N, C-alpha and C. Protein backbone atom coordinates (compact mmCIF):
# COMPACT_ATOMS: atom_id res chain seq x y z
N UNK A 1 -24.69 54.26 -20.91
CA UNK A 1 -24.56 55.73 -21.22
C UNK A 1 -23.07 55.51 -20.51
N UNK A 2 -22.98 54.91 -19.79
CA UNK A 2 -21.50 54.28 -19.04
C UNK A 2 -20.55 53.57 -20.52
N UNK A 3 -21.05 52.75 -20.98
CA UNK A 3 -20.77 52.20 -22.03
C UNK A 3 -20.28 53.55 -23.39
N UNK A 4 -20.84 54.15 -23.64
CA UNK A 4 -20.76 54.82 -24.72
C UNK A 4 -19.63 55.72 -24.10
N UNK A 5 -19.48 56.14 -22.66
CA UNK A 5 -18.74 57.36 -22.10
C UNK A 5 -17.34 56.12 -22.03
N UNK A 6 -17.12 54.98 -21.65
CA UNK A 6 -15.91 54.30 -21.80
C UNK A 6 -15.12 54.13 -23.50
N UNK A 7 -16.47 54.23 -24.32
CA UNK A 7 -16.15 53.73 -25.78
C UNK A 7 -15.47 55.36 -26.17
N UNK A 8 -15.71 56.56 -25.57
CA UNK A 8 -15.36 57.30 -25.83
C UNK A 8 -13.72 57.84 -25.62
N UNK A 9 -13.53 57.22 -24.32
CA UNK A 9 -12.37 57.29 -23.44
C UNK A 9 -10.98 56.55 -24.15
N UNK A 10 -11.91 55.55 -24.87
CA UNK A 10 -11.20 54.50 -25.30
C UNK A 10 -10.51 55.26 -26.48
N UNK A 11 -11.23 56.32 -27.16
CA UNK A 11 -10.95 57.30 -28.37
C UNK A 11 -10.10 58.15 -28.19
N UNK A 12 -9.99 58.31 -26.88
CA UNK A 12 -8.80 59.72 -26.72
C UNK A 12 -7.38 59.62 -27.05
N UNK A 13 -6.62 60.32 -27.49
CA UNK A 13 -5.11 60.43 -27.81
C UNK A 13 -4.74 59.69 -26.77
N UNK A 14 -4.70 60.19 -25.34
CA UNK A 14 -3.93 59.27 -24.84
C UNK A 14 -4.61 58.06 -24.19
N UNK A 15 -4.02 57.13 -23.45
CA UNK A 15 -4.87 55.95 -22.99
C UNK A 15 -5.30 56.56 -21.49
N UNK A 16 -6.35 56.35 -21.30
CA UNK A 16 -7.43 56.58 -20.15
C UNK A 16 -6.69 55.76 -18.98
N UNK A 17 -6.72 53.96 -19.24
CA UNK A 17 -6.37 52.79 -18.67
C UNK A 17 -5.96 51.87 -18.72
N UNK A 18 -4.95 50.97 -18.29
CA UNK A 18 -4.29 49.78 -18.70
C UNK A 18 -5.24 48.08 -18.90
N UNK A 19 -6.37 48.42 -17.65
CA UNK A 19 -6.76 47.52 -17.88
C UNK A 19 -8.60 48.03 -17.55
N UNK A 20 -9.61 47.69 -18.47
CA UNK A 20 -11.18 47.92 -17.80
C UNK A 20 -11.80 46.78 -17.68
N UNK A 21 -12.55 47.17 -15.99
CA UNK A 21 -13.37 46.21 -15.44
C UNK A 21 -15.09 46.61 -16.45
N UNK A 22 -15.45 44.94 -16.67
CA UNK A 22 -16.88 45.69 -16.51
C UNK A 22 -17.66 44.41 -15.70
N UNK A 23 -18.65 44.91 -14.62
CA UNK A 23 -18.83 44.08 -14.17
C UNK A 23 -20.72 43.87 -14.17
N UNK A 24 -20.87 42.99 -14.07
CA UNK A 24 -22.30 42.83 -14.55
C UNK A 24 -22.18 43.22 -16.04
N UNK A 25 -21.43 42.39 -16.41
CA UNK A 25 -21.46 42.80 -18.15
C UNK A 25 -23.19 41.92 -18.81
N UNK A 26 -23.58 40.74 -18.21
CA UNK A 26 -24.67 40.56 -19.00
C UNK A 26 -25.81 41.15 -19.25
N UNK A 27 -25.65 42.24 -18.48
CA UNK A 27 -26.92 42.91 -18.41
C UNK A 27 -26.57 44.32 -19.57
N UNK A 28 -25.74 44.32 -20.22
CA UNK A 28 -24.99 45.43 -20.88
C UNK A 28 -25.76 44.48 -22.56
N UNK A 29 -25.89 43.40 -22.80
CA UNK A 29 -26.01 42.71 -24.18
C UNK A 29 -25.39 42.21 -24.84
N UNK A 30 -24.59 41.86 -25.64
CA UNK A 30 -24.25 41.20 -26.52
C UNK A 30 -23.66 42.17 -27.37
N UNK A 31 -24.47 42.97 -28.24
CA UNK A 31 -23.74 44.41 -29.27
C UNK A 31 -23.02 45.05 -28.03
N UNK A 32 -23.71 45.24 -27.17
CA UNK A 32 -22.27 46.12 -26.62
C UNK A 32 -21.32 45.98 -25.81
N UNK A 33 -21.25 44.37 -25.41
CA UNK A 33 -19.68 44.30 -25.11
C UNK A 33 -19.01 43.64 -26.09
N UNK A 34 -19.56 43.39 -27.63
CA UNK A 34 -18.78 43.46 -29.02
C UNK A 34 -18.12 44.76 -29.10
N UNK A 35 -18.86 45.54 -28.98
CA UNK A 35 -18.09 46.90 -28.94
C UNK A 35 -17.22 47.48 -28.35
N UNK A 36 -17.56 47.56 -27.00
CA UNK A 36 -16.51 46.84 -25.88
C UNK A 36 -15.21 46.50 -26.27
N UNK A 37 -15.55 45.50 -26.12
CA UNK A 37 -14.24 44.62 -26.87
C UNK A 37 -13.29 44.89 -28.18
N UNK A 38 -14.02 45.35 -29.12
CA UNK A 38 -13.05 45.76 -30.39
C UNK A 38 -12.86 47.00 -30.20
N UNK A 39 -13.11 48.09 -29.22
CA UNK A 39 -12.50 49.06 -28.61
C UNK A 39 -11.34 48.96 -27.85
N UNK A 40 -11.78 47.95 -27.18
CA UNK A 40 -10.30 47.79 -26.06
C UNK A 40 -9.11 47.34 -26.42
N UNK A 41 -9.26 46.49 -27.64
CA UNK A 41 -8.50 45.18 -28.16
C UNK A 41 -7.91 46.65 -29.07
N UNK A 42 -8.71 47.54 -30.20
CA UNK A 42 -7.84 49.05 -30.93
C UNK A 42 -7.12 49.72 -29.80
N UNK A 43 -7.69 49.53 -28.72
CA UNK A 43 -7.18 50.88 -27.66
C UNK A 43 -6.02 50.31 -27.12
N UNK A 44 -5.50 49.26 -27.25
CA UNK A 44 -4.64 47.89 -26.81
C UNK A 44 -4.63 48.02 -24.90
N UNK A 45 -6.03 47.91 -24.25
CA UNK A 45 -6.25 47.94 -23.08
C UNK A 45 -7.37 46.58 -22.91
N UNK A 46 -6.87 46.13 -21.82
CA UNK A 46 -6.79 44.23 -20.98
C UNK A 46 -8.33 44.79 -20.81
N UNK A 47 -9.58 43.99 -21.36
CA UNK A 47 -10.67 43.99 -20.80
C UNK A 47 -10.83 42.82 -20.01
N UNK A 48 -12.08 42.99 -19.24
CA UNK A 48 -11.85 42.37 -17.92
C UNK A 48 -13.88 41.66 -17.68
N UNK A 49 -14.01 40.51 -18.22
CA UNK A 49 -15.53 41.16 -18.13
C UNK A 49 -16.06 40.01 -16.96
N UNK A 50 -17.09 40.43 -16.05
CA UNK A 50 -17.94 39.70 -14.74
C UNK A 50 -19.10 39.45 -15.55
N UNK A 51 -19.70 38.27 -15.56
CA UNK A 51 -20.94 38.01 -15.99
C UNK A 51 -21.56 36.87 -15.20
N UNK A 52 -23.10 37.11 -14.73
CA UNK A 52 -23.56 36.46 -13.73
C UNK A 52 -24.03 35.49 -14.88
N UNK A 53 -24.35 35.71 -15.78
CA UNK A 53 -25.38 34.29 -16.42
C UNK A 53 -25.02 34.81 -17.99
N UNK A 54 -23.76 33.76 -18.36
CA UNK A 54 -23.63 33.77 -19.70
C UNK A 54 -24.77 32.91 -20.51
N UNK A 55 -25.75 33.50 -21.00
CA UNK A 55 -26.10 32.72 -21.82
C UNK A 55 -27.03 33.49 -22.92
N UNK A 56 -27.43 32.51 -24.19
CA UNK A 56 -27.66 33.60 -25.36
C UNK A 56 -26.38 33.79 -26.18
N UNK A 57 -26.73 34.98 -26.57
CA UNK A 57 -25.97 36.00 -27.73
C UNK A 57 -24.13 36.35 -26.55
N UNK A 58 -24.71 36.51 -25.42
CA UNK A 58 -23.50 36.50 -24.64
C UNK A 58 -22.26 35.65 -24.67
N UNK A 59 -23.22 34.56 -24.38
CA UNK A 59 -22.15 33.14 -24.37
C UNK A 59 -20.95 33.18 -25.60
N UNK A 60 -21.42 33.69 -26.70
CA UNK A 60 -20.68 33.69 -27.82
C UNK A 60 -19.78 34.72 -27.95
N UNK A 61 -19.65 35.52 -26.85
CA UNK A 61 -18.86 37.06 -27.12
C UNK A 61 -18.03 37.12 -26.01
N UNK A 62 -18.38 35.85 -24.86
CA UNK A 62 -17.33 35.96 -23.82
C UNK A 62 -15.87 35.75 -24.59
N UNK A 63 -14.85 36.24 -23.83
CA UNK A 63 -13.43 36.12 -24.24
C UNK A 63 -12.90 36.55 -25.26
N UNK A 64 -13.81 37.55 -25.98
CA UNK A 64 -13.28 38.06 -27.34
C UNK A 64 -12.61 39.37 -27.06
N UNK A 65 -12.46 39.65 -25.88
CA UNK A 65 -11.98 41.24 -25.60
C UNK A 65 -11.15 41.20 -24.73
N UNK A 66 -10.57 39.77 -24.04
CA UNK A 66 -9.81 40.17 -22.96
C UNK A 66 -9.80 38.51 -21.68
N UNK A 67 -9.66 39.37 -20.77
CA UNK A 67 -9.52 38.07 -19.93
C UNK A 67 -11.09 38.11 -18.90
N UNK A 68 -11.20 37.26 -18.28
CA UNK A 68 -12.72 36.54 -17.97
C UNK A 68 -12.52 36.38 -16.88
N UNK A 69 -13.05 36.63 -15.89
CA UNK A 69 -13.05 35.78 -14.05
C UNK A 69 -14.35 34.72 -14.53
N UNK A 70 -14.58 34.13 -13.73
CA UNK A 70 -15.45 33.29 -13.59
C UNK A 70 -15.55 33.21 -12.25
N UNK A 71 -16.98 33.81 -11.33
CA UNK A 71 -17.12 33.42 -10.03
C UNK A 71 -17.97 32.41 -9.64
N UNK A 72 -18.36 32.37 -8.21
CA UNK A 72 -19.13 31.63 -7.89
C UNK A 72 -20.90 31.01 -8.82
N UNK A 73 -21.07 30.09 -8.91
CA UNK A 73 -22.68 30.12 -9.89
C UNK A 73 -23.02 29.50 -8.95
N UNK A 74 -24.57 29.81 -8.95
CA UNK A 74 -25.39 29.25 -8.75
C UNK A 74 -26.62 28.29 -9.02
N UNK A 75 -26.53 28.27 -10.86
CA UNK A 75 -27.76 27.48 -11.54
C UNK A 75 -26.74 26.66 -12.31
N UNK A 76 -26.80 25.22 -12.36
CA UNK A 76 -26.25 24.12 -13.13
C UNK A 76 -25.78 24.37 -14.24
N UNK A 77 -27.12 25.39 -15.29
CA UNK A 77 -26.84 25.60 -16.55
C UNK A 77 -25.56 26.50 -16.46
N UNK A 78 -25.44 27.32 -16.05
CA UNK A 78 -24.79 28.36 -15.99
C UNK A 78 -23.22 27.56 -15.96
N UNK A 79 -23.00 27.13 -14.82
CA UNK A 79 -21.90 26.56 -14.60
C UNK A 79 -21.65 25.23 -15.57
N UNK A 80 -22.62 24.75 -16.58
CA UNK A 80 -21.80 23.94 -17.49
C UNK A 80 -20.94 24.94 -18.99
N UNK A 81 -22.19 26.12 -18.93
CA UNK A 81 -21.52 26.92 -19.80
C UNK A 81 -19.94 27.27 -19.37
N UNK A 82 -19.74 27.85 -18.09
CA UNK A 82 -18.78 28.43 -17.46
C UNK A 82 -17.68 27.28 -18.20
N UNK A 83 -17.96 26.15 -17.35
CA UNK A 83 -16.71 25.11 -17.44
C UNK A 83 -16.35 24.54 -18.66
N UNK A 84 -17.29 24.91 -19.87
CA UNK A 84 -17.06 24.69 -21.20
C UNK A 84 -15.98 25.77 -21.79
N UNK A 85 -16.47 27.21 -21.26
CA UNK A 85 -15.42 27.97 -21.60
C UNK A 85 -14.17 28.23 -21.12
N UNK A 86 -14.20 27.71 -19.57
CA UNK A 86 -12.25 27.34 -19.08
C UNK A 86 -11.88 26.28 -19.96
N UNK A 87 -12.70 25.37 -20.28
CA UNK A 87 -12.09 24.58 -21.23
C UNK A 87 -11.62 23.07 -20.30
N UNK A 88 -11.30 21.98 -21.08
CA UNK A 88 -11.07 20.83 -21.18
C UNK A 88 -9.36 20.39 -21.32
N UNK A 89 -9.59 19.33 -20.76
CA UNK A 89 -7.77 18.87 -20.79
C UNK A 89 -7.64 17.13 -20.84
N UNK A 90 -6.74 16.72 -21.42
CA UNK A 90 -6.58 15.32 -21.41
C UNK A 90 -5.71 14.75 -20.19
N UNK A 91 -6.00 14.01 -19.69
CA UNK A 91 -5.44 13.39 -18.10
C UNK A 91 -5.86 11.84 -17.78
N UNK A 92 -4.74 11.41 -17.58
CA UNK A 92 -5.20 9.81 -16.89
C UNK A 92 -5.28 9.81 -15.19
N UNK A 93 -6.43 9.52 -15.23
CA UNK A 93 -7.38 8.37 -13.80
C UNK A 93 -7.10 7.33 -14.05
N UNK A 94 -6.89 6.89 -12.65
CA UNK A 94 -7.33 5.52 -12.37
C UNK A 94 -8.76 4.87 -12.54
N UNK A 95 -8.56 4.03 -13.77
CA UNK A 95 -10.13 3.60 -13.96
C UNK A 95 -10.69 2.37 -12.97
N UNK A 96 -9.50 1.40 -12.71
CA UNK A 96 -9.85 0.42 -12.43
C UNK A 96 -8.95 -0.10 -11.12
N UNK A 97 -9.31 -0.91 -9.95
CA UNK A 97 -8.50 -1.33 -9.19
C UNK A 97 -8.45 -2.67 -8.93
N UNK A 98 -7.78 -3.61 -8.96
CA UNK A 98 -7.86 -5.08 -8.75
C UNK A 98 -7.20 -5.79 -7.23
N UNK A 99 -7.70 -5.76 -6.60
CA UNK A 99 -6.83 -7.10 -5.36
C UNK A 99 -7.13 -8.06 -5.72
N UNK A 100 -6.21 -9.21 -5.27
CA UNK A 100 -6.03 -10.82 -5.07
C UNK A 100 -6.16 -11.53 -4.13
N UNK A 101 -6.35 -11.47 -3.29
CA UNK A 101 -6.03 -12.64 -2.14
C UNK A 101 -6.17 -13.91 -2.00
N UNK A 102 -5.04 -14.76 -1.91
CA UNK A 102 -5.14 -16.23 -2.46
C UNK A 102 -4.62 -16.86 -1.10
N UNK A 103 -5.13 -18.30 -0.51
CA UNK A 103 -4.72 -18.76 0.59
C UNK A 103 -4.57 -20.65 0.36
N UNK A 104 -3.74 -20.87 0.51
CA UNK A 104 -4.01 -22.76 0.17
C UNK A 104 -3.19 -23.01 1.74
N UNK A 105 -3.69 -24.35 2.05
CA UNK A 105 -3.71 -24.87 2.95
C UNK A 105 -3.27 -26.39 2.59
N UNK A 106 -2.35 -27.07 3.47
CA UNK A 106 -2.27 -28.39 2.99
C UNK A 106 -1.71 -29.26 4.57
N UNK A 107 -2.04 -30.35 4.72
CA UNK A 107 -2.08 -31.13 6.02
C UNK A 107 -2.16 -32.87 5.54
N UNK A 108 -1.11 -33.40 6.20
CA UNK A 108 -1.14 -34.74 5.92
C UNK A 108 -0.09 -35.56 6.63
N UNK A 109 -0.68 -36.95 7.32
CA UNK A 109 0.06 -38.01 7.75
C UNK A 109 0.31 -39.31 7.82
N UNK A 110 0.56 -39.95 8.63
CA UNK A 110 0.72 -41.48 8.28
C UNK A 110 1.44 -42.01 9.65
N UNK A 111 0.94 -43.10 9.55
CA UNK A 111 1.51 -44.06 10.96
C UNK A 111 2.01 -45.48 10.62
N UNK A 112 3.04 -45.65 10.43
CA UNK A 112 3.20 -46.81 10.32
C UNK A 112 4.13 -47.83 11.67
N UNK A 113 3.30 -49.46 11.44
CA UNK A 113 4.00 -50.52 12.62
C UNK A 113 4.28 -51.81 12.38
N UNK A 114 5.81 -51.46 12.72
CA UNK A 114 5.97 -53.20 12.26
C UNK A 114 6.58 -53.56 13.52
N UNK A 115 6.29 -55.24 13.35
CA UNK A 115 6.48 -56.17 14.53
C UNK A 115 7.11 -57.30 13.80
N UNK A 116 8.05 -57.53 14.65
CA UNK A 116 9.14 -59.03 14.48
C UNK A 116 9.04 -60.19 15.68
N UNK A 117 8.84 -61.40 15.44
CA UNK A 117 9.63 -62.07 16.67
C UNK A 117 10.25 -63.26 15.67
N UNK A 118 11.46 -63.34 16.47
CA UNK A 118 12.36 -64.82 16.27
C UNK A 118 12.73 -65.45 17.36
N UNK A 119 12.77 -67.24 16.73
CA UNK A 119 13.08 -67.98 17.93
C UNK A 119 14.21 -69.03 17.40
N UNK A 120 15.27 -69.30 17.58
CA UNK A 120 15.95 -70.15 17.23
C UNK A 120 16.62 -71.38 18.46
N UNK A 121 17.05 -72.50 17.88
CA UNK A 121 17.46 -73.61 18.98
C UNK A 121 18.57 -74.19 18.56
N UNK A 122 19.08 -74.28 18.83
CA UNK A 122 20.65 -75.38 18.04
C UNK A 122 20.67 -76.86 18.72
N UNK A 123 19.18 -77.52 19.21
CA UNK A 123 19.20 -78.33 19.70
C UNK A 123 18.49 -79.49 18.28
N UNK A 124 19.15 -80.86 18.32
CA UNK A 124 18.45 -81.50 17.24
C UNK A 124 17.57 -82.74 17.61
N UNK A 125 16.50 -82.55 17.10
CA UNK A 125 15.76 -82.83 17.50
C UNK A 125 15.42 -84.47 16.91
N UNK A 126 15.00 -85.39 18.04
CA UNK A 126 15.24 -87.03 17.67
C UNK A 126 16.59 -86.85 18.45
N UNK A 127 17.24 -86.56 18.96
CA UNK A 127 18.57 -87.16 19.23
C UNK A 127 18.54 -87.26 20.23
N UNK A 128 19.61 -88.27 21.59
CA UNK A 128 19.51 -88.79 22.45
C UNK A 128 20.69 -87.59 22.84
N UNK A 129 20.23 -87.00 24.37
CA UNK A 129 21.21 -86.09 24.70
C UNK A 129 22.07 -86.79 25.59
N UNK A 130 23.47 -86.24 25.50
CA UNK A 130 24.73 -86.95 26.08
C UNK A 130 25.00 -86.22 27.34
N UNK A 131 25.52 -87.14 28.42
CA UNK A 131 26.06 -86.08 29.21
C UNK A 131 27.20 -84.79 29.35
N UNK A 132 26.95 -83.64 29.63
CA UNK A 132 27.97 -82.79 29.12
C UNK A 132 27.77 -82.38 27.73
N UNK A 133 26.41 -82.56 27.36
CA UNK A 133 26.44 -81.63 25.66
C UNK A 133 25.19 -80.74 26.27
N UNK A 134 25.01 -79.25 25.41
CA UNK A 134 24.56 -78.08 26.05
C UNK A 134 23.45 -77.99 24.90
N UNK A 135 22.81 -77.65 25.50
CA UNK A 135 21.40 -76.88 24.37
C UNK A 135 21.33 -75.23 24.11
N UNK A 136 21.22 -74.68 23.41
CA UNK A 136 20.96 -73.59 22.92
C UNK A 136 19.85 -73.25 22.43
N UNK A 137 19.53 -71.98 23.55
CA UNK A 137 18.12 -71.58 22.72
C UNK A 137 17.88 -69.89 22.87
N UNK A 138 17.43 -69.58 21.75
CA UNK A 138 17.55 -68.12 21.66
C UNK A 138 16.26 -67.63 20.99
N UNK A 139 15.59 -66.37 21.59
CA UNK A 139 14.48 -65.72 21.41
C UNK A 139 14.58 -64.25 20.66
N UNK A 140 13.75 -63.68 19.91
CA UNK A 140 14.16 -62.30 19.90
C UNK A 140 12.73 -61.51 19.39
N UNK A 141 12.91 -60.38 19.94
CA UNK A 141 11.14 -59.82 19.71
C UNK A 141 11.28 -58.75 19.68
N UNK A 142 11.07 -57.80 18.19
CA UNK A 142 10.96 -56.19 17.45
C UNK A 142 9.77 -55.35 17.37
N UNK A 143 9.71 -54.44 17.96
CA UNK A 143 8.62 -53.60 17.86
C UNK A 143 9.47 -52.40 16.71
N UNK A 144 8.67 -51.73 15.87
CA UNK A 144 9.27 -50.52 15.61
C UNK A 144 7.71 -49.69 14.88
N UNK A 145 7.96 -48.65 14.95
CA UNK A 145 6.87 -47.46 14.93
C UNK A 145 7.31 -46.10 14.59
N UNK A 146 6.64 -45.88 13.47
CA UNK A 146 6.98 -44.26 12.97
C UNK A 146 5.89 -43.77 12.91
N UNK A 147 5.85 -42.46 13.18
CA UNK A 147 5.06 -41.63 12.55
C UNK A 147 4.86 -40.11 11.70
N UNK A 148 5.02 -40.04 10.60
CA UNK A 148 5.17 -38.71 9.70
C UNK A 148 3.84 -37.79 9.65
N UNK A 149 3.89 -36.42 9.78
CA UNK A 149 2.97 -35.86 9.40
C UNK A 149 3.72 -34.10 8.86
N UNK A 150 3.24 -34.21 7.39
CA UNK A 150 3.36 -32.66 6.82
C UNK A 150 2.68 -31.56 6.93
N UNK A 151 2.75 -30.38 7.12
CA UNK A 151 2.33 -29.09 7.24
C UNK A 151 2.24 -28.18 6.55
N UNK A 152 1.28 -27.10 5.94
CA UNK A 152 2.43 -26.38 4.79
C UNK A 152 1.07 -25.11 4.81
N UNK A 153 1.72 -24.04 4.53
CA UNK A 153 0.61 -22.74 4.25
C UNK A 153 1.06 -22.27 3.54
N UNK A 154 0.54 -20.81 2.59
CA UNK A 154 0.82 -20.56 1.25
C UNK A 154 -0.08 -19.60 1.07
N UNK A 155 0.02 -18.03 1.41
CA UNK A 155 -0.84 -16.55 1.63
C UNK A 155 0.09 -15.94 0.22
N UNK A 156 -0.73 -15.87 -0.81
CA UNK A 156 -0.50 -14.36 -2.33
C UNK A 156 -1.52 -13.33 -1.93
N UNK A 157 -1.03 -12.25 -2.46
CA UNK A 157 -1.44 -10.87 -2.23
C UNK A 157 -1.81 -10.13 -3.12
N UNK A 158 -2.22 -9.57 -4.75
CA UNK A 158 -1.73 -8.98 -5.10
C UNK A 158 -2.43 -8.32 -6.16
N UNK A 159 -2.05 -6.99 -6.26
CA UNK A 159 -2.86 -5.79 -6.40
C UNK A 159 -2.52 -5.41 -7.80
N UNK A 160 -3.21 -4.70 -8.54
CA UNK A 160 -3.31 -4.35 -9.88
C UNK A 160 -4.30 -2.90 -9.96
N UNK A 161 -3.73 -1.62 -10.56
CA UNK A 161 -4.64 -0.68 -11.15
C UNK A 161 -4.21 0.04 -12.34
N UNK A 162 -5.56 0.24 -13.26
CA UNK A 162 -5.27 0.30 -14.24
C UNK A 162 -5.66 1.76 -14.75
N UNK A 163 -4.99 2.84 -15.81
CA UNK A 163 -5.36 3.75 -15.74
C UNK A 163 -5.77 4.18 -16.72
N UNK A 164 -6.40 5.13 -17.48
CA UNK A 164 -6.89 5.44 -18.82
C UNK A 164 -7.07 6.95 -19.27
N UNK A 165 -7.15 7.39 -19.89
CA UNK A 165 -7.06 8.60 -20.81
C UNK A 165 -8.27 9.15 -21.08
N UNK A 166 -8.52 10.27 -20.24
CA UNK A 166 -10.04 10.95 -20.38
C UNK A 166 -9.64 12.48 -20.68
N UNK A 167 -11.08 12.75 -20.78
CA UNK A 167 -11.12 14.16 -21.93
C UNK A 167 -12.20 15.08 -20.74
N UNK A 168 -11.65 15.83 -19.82
CA UNK A 168 -12.41 16.29 -18.90
C UNK A 168 -12.45 18.09 -18.42
N UNK A 169 -13.59 17.99 -18.19
CA UNK A 169 -13.16 19.82 -17.59
C UNK A 169 -11.92 19.94 -16.95
N UNK A 170 -11.32 21.25 -17.33
CA UNK A 170 -10.61 22.06 -16.22
C UNK A 170 -10.92 21.83 -14.85
N UNK A 171 -12.38 23.02 -14.86
CA UNK A 171 -13.26 23.45 -13.36
C UNK A 171 -14.41 22.08 -13.67
N UNK A 172 -14.86 21.67 -12.94
CA UNK A 172 -15.99 20.53 -13.03
C UNK A 172 -17.22 21.79 -12.38
N UNK A 173 -18.35 21.87 -13.40
CA UNK A 173 -19.15 22.63 -12.55
C UNK A 173 -19.86 22.40 -11.12
N UNK A 174 -19.56 21.49 -10.94
CA UNK A 174 -19.70 20.76 -8.96
C UNK A 174 -18.67 22.16 -8.53
N UNK A 175 -17.66 22.51 -8.86
CA UNK A 175 -16.70 23.33 -8.25
C UNK A 175 -17.20 24.47 -8.38
N UNK A 176 -17.34 24.67 -9.61
CA UNK A 176 -17.79 26.44 -10.17
C UNK A 176 -19.22 26.92 -8.88
N UNK A 177 -19.63 25.62 -9.19
CA UNK A 177 -20.67 26.13 -8.09
C UNK A 177 -20.73 26.00 -6.67
N UNK A 178 -19.18 25.43 -5.64
CA UNK A 178 -19.04 25.29 -4.54
C UNK A 178 -17.24 26.54 -4.47
N UNK A 179 -17.66 27.61 -5.19
CA UNK A 179 -16.28 28.40 -5.23
C UNK A 179 -17.03 29.52 -3.60
N UNK A 180 -16.04 29.61 -3.14
CA UNK A 180 -15.86 30.87 -1.88
C UNK A 180 -16.60 31.81 -2.35
N UNK A 181 -17.33 32.40 -1.68
CA UNK A 181 -18.20 34.11 -2.30
C UNK A 181 -16.14 35.20 -3.21
N UNK A 182 -15.60 34.76 -2.54
CA UNK A 182 -14.52 35.73 -3.12
C UNK A 182 -13.34 35.27 -3.89
N UNK A 183 -13.54 34.22 -4.16
CA UNK A 183 -12.78 33.40 -5.09
C UNK A 183 -12.78 33.00 -6.62
N UNK A 184 -12.21 33.09 -7.48
CA UNK A 184 -12.91 33.29 -9.06
C UNK A 184 -11.91 32.60 -9.67
N UNK A 185 -12.00 32.00 -11.03
CA UNK A 185 -11.32 31.78 -11.85
C UNK A 185 -11.00 32.41 -12.92
N UNK A 186 -9.73 32.90 -13.30
CA UNK A 186 -9.15 33.70 -14.20
C UNK A 186 -8.45 32.91 -15.84
N UNK A 187 -9.43 33.19 -17.09
CA UNK A 187 -9.08 32.93 -18.24
C UNK A 187 -8.90 34.14 -18.87
N UNK A 188 -7.36 33.83 -19.53
CA UNK A 188 -6.75 34.88 -20.19
C UNK A 188 -5.93 34.31 -21.38
N UNK A 189 -6.62 35.12 -22.73
CA UNK A 189 -5.94 34.41 -23.72
C UNK A 189 -5.28 35.83 -24.44
N UNK A 190 -3.65 35.39 -24.35
CA UNK A 190 -3.15 36.32 -24.72
C UNK A 190 -1.95 35.78 -25.60
N UNK A 191 -1.28 36.22 -26.45
CA UNK A 191 -0.33 36.07 -27.22
C UNK A 191 0.52 34.83 -26.66
N UNK A 192 1.08 34.51 -25.99
CA UNK A 192 1.60 33.67 -25.06
C UNK A 192 1.20 32.25 -24.91
N UNK A 193 -0.73 32.46 -25.01
CA UNK A 193 -1.24 30.83 -24.91
C UNK A 193 -2.28 31.60 -23.85
N UNK A 194 -2.96 30.63 -23.41
CA UNK A 194 -4.06 30.73 -22.74
C UNK A 194 -4.19 29.88 -21.50
N UNK A 195 -4.29 30.96 -20.56
CA UNK A 195 -4.31 30.64 -18.74
C UNK A 195 -4.97 30.83 -18.51
N UNK A 196 -5.18 29.68 -17.30
CA UNK A 196 -6.29 29.68 -16.69
C UNK A 196 -5.65 29.52 -15.13
N UNK A 197 -6.17 30.41 -14.16
CA UNK A 197 -5.77 30.53 -13.12
C UNK A 197 -6.80 30.39 -12.09
N UNK A 198 -6.67 29.91 -10.84
CA UNK A 198 -8.13 30.15 -9.49
C UNK A 198 -7.14 31.20 -8.34
N UNK A 199 -8.06 32.19 -8.20
CA UNK A 199 -7.24 33.05 -7.48
C UNK A 199 -8.46 33.88 -6.62
N UNK A 200 -8.48 33.99 -5.38
CA UNK A 200 -9.45 35.07 -4.12
C UNK A 200 -8.73 36.26 -4.04
N UNK A 201 -10.08 37.20 -4.24
CA UNK A 201 -9.89 38.54 -3.88
C UNK A 201 -10.51 38.99 -2.46
N UNK A 202 -10.79 38.03 -1.55
CA UNK A 202 -10.95 38.59 -0.19
C UNK A 202 -9.52 39.41 0.19
N UNK A 203 -9.80 40.94 0.77
CA UNK A 203 -9.11 41.53 1.03
C UNK A 203 -8.37 41.40 2.59
N UNK A 204 -9.04 40.36 3.12
CA UNK A 204 -8.39 39.45 4.38
C UNK A 204 -6.93 39.06 4.27
N UNK A 205 -6.86 38.63 3.34
CA UNK A 205 -5.43 37.75 2.59
C UNK A 205 -3.94 38.67 2.85
N UNK A 206 -4.69 39.97 2.63
CA UNK A 206 -3.43 40.46 3.14
C UNK A 206 -2.71 40.79 4.92
N UNK A 207 -3.76 40.39 5.54
CA UNK A 207 -3.75 40.38 6.98
C UNK A 207 -2.97 39.27 7.60
N UNK A 208 -2.58 38.13 6.95
CA UNK A 208 -2.61 37.05 7.14
C UNK A 208 -0.66 36.86 7.24
N UNK A 209 -0.62 36.14 7.91
CA UNK A 209 1.32 36.23 8.53
C UNK A 209 1.54 35.33 6.89
N UNK A 210 2.72 36.24 6.73
CA UNK A 210 3.67 35.64 5.65
C UNK A 210 3.10 36.13 4.49
N UNK A 211 2.41 37.09 4.21
CA UNK A 211 1.98 37.43 3.46
C UNK A 211 2.92 38.75 2.59
N UNK A 212 2.90 38.66 1.77
CA UNK A 212 4.19 39.70 0.74
C UNK A 212 3.24 41.22 0.50
N UNK A 213 3.31 42.40 1.02
CA UNK A 213 2.97 43.42 0.38
C UNK A 213 2.50 43.68 -1.14
N UNK A 214 3.71 43.17 -1.75
CA UNK A 214 4.07 44.05 -3.13
C UNK A 214 4.76 42.37 -3.60
N UNK A 215 3.47 42.11 -5.03
CA UNK A 215 3.95 40.75 -5.33
C UNK A 215 5.19 41.03 -6.21
N UNK A 216 5.80 39.86 -6.60
CA UNK A 216 7.34 39.42 -6.83
C UNK A 216 7.72 39.47 -8.59
N UNK A 217 8.36 39.72 -8.89
CA UNK A 217 8.79 39.51 -10.72
C UNK A 217 8.12 38.54 -11.31
N UNK A 218 7.96 37.17 -10.86
CA UNK A 218 7.15 36.24 -11.35
C UNK A 218 6.14 36.14 -11.28
């Protein structure tokens, strides 16, 4: 009955509203929703459908007449249907991270020892020593030792990441199932394009600090 009253109001000479919101739209059935969508489009009225379980024929009707609010879902299949309706997008994500650590250690050493002994005499062997003659004797010894040691250490760290292009949901089904009770995802198809926004209808937000009582022009 309410759906027929809304249909009749849309056909009046003057527009009765700028926005028409239907809560629990899945209970009306696909045919009724299609009728409301057609009449709202003809009357220039923004139609917002709030659907609990977008299944069956209703799934094909969602979004044909205006904006759609996707709120918290408790069933995983409903969340998958809602995520597919919200859409997908291409994005670049990090798919691989590589980290390499290398270390080199070198230790070396060596010892060298050298010894030499020299002995020299200027006396002539077999000759008769004369008075006043001198005999010279010289002896020298030398030792040389040297030690060498080398030590070096090298450490190298390198990291690399690889990004790949994926085609994923704008809103993951798990995220839709974990939304707060007052939050919703607004999907609006207009002549300017498709707009997807996350909003919150908690009335307590207006009581928070630094919250404007009136929205801006943007």
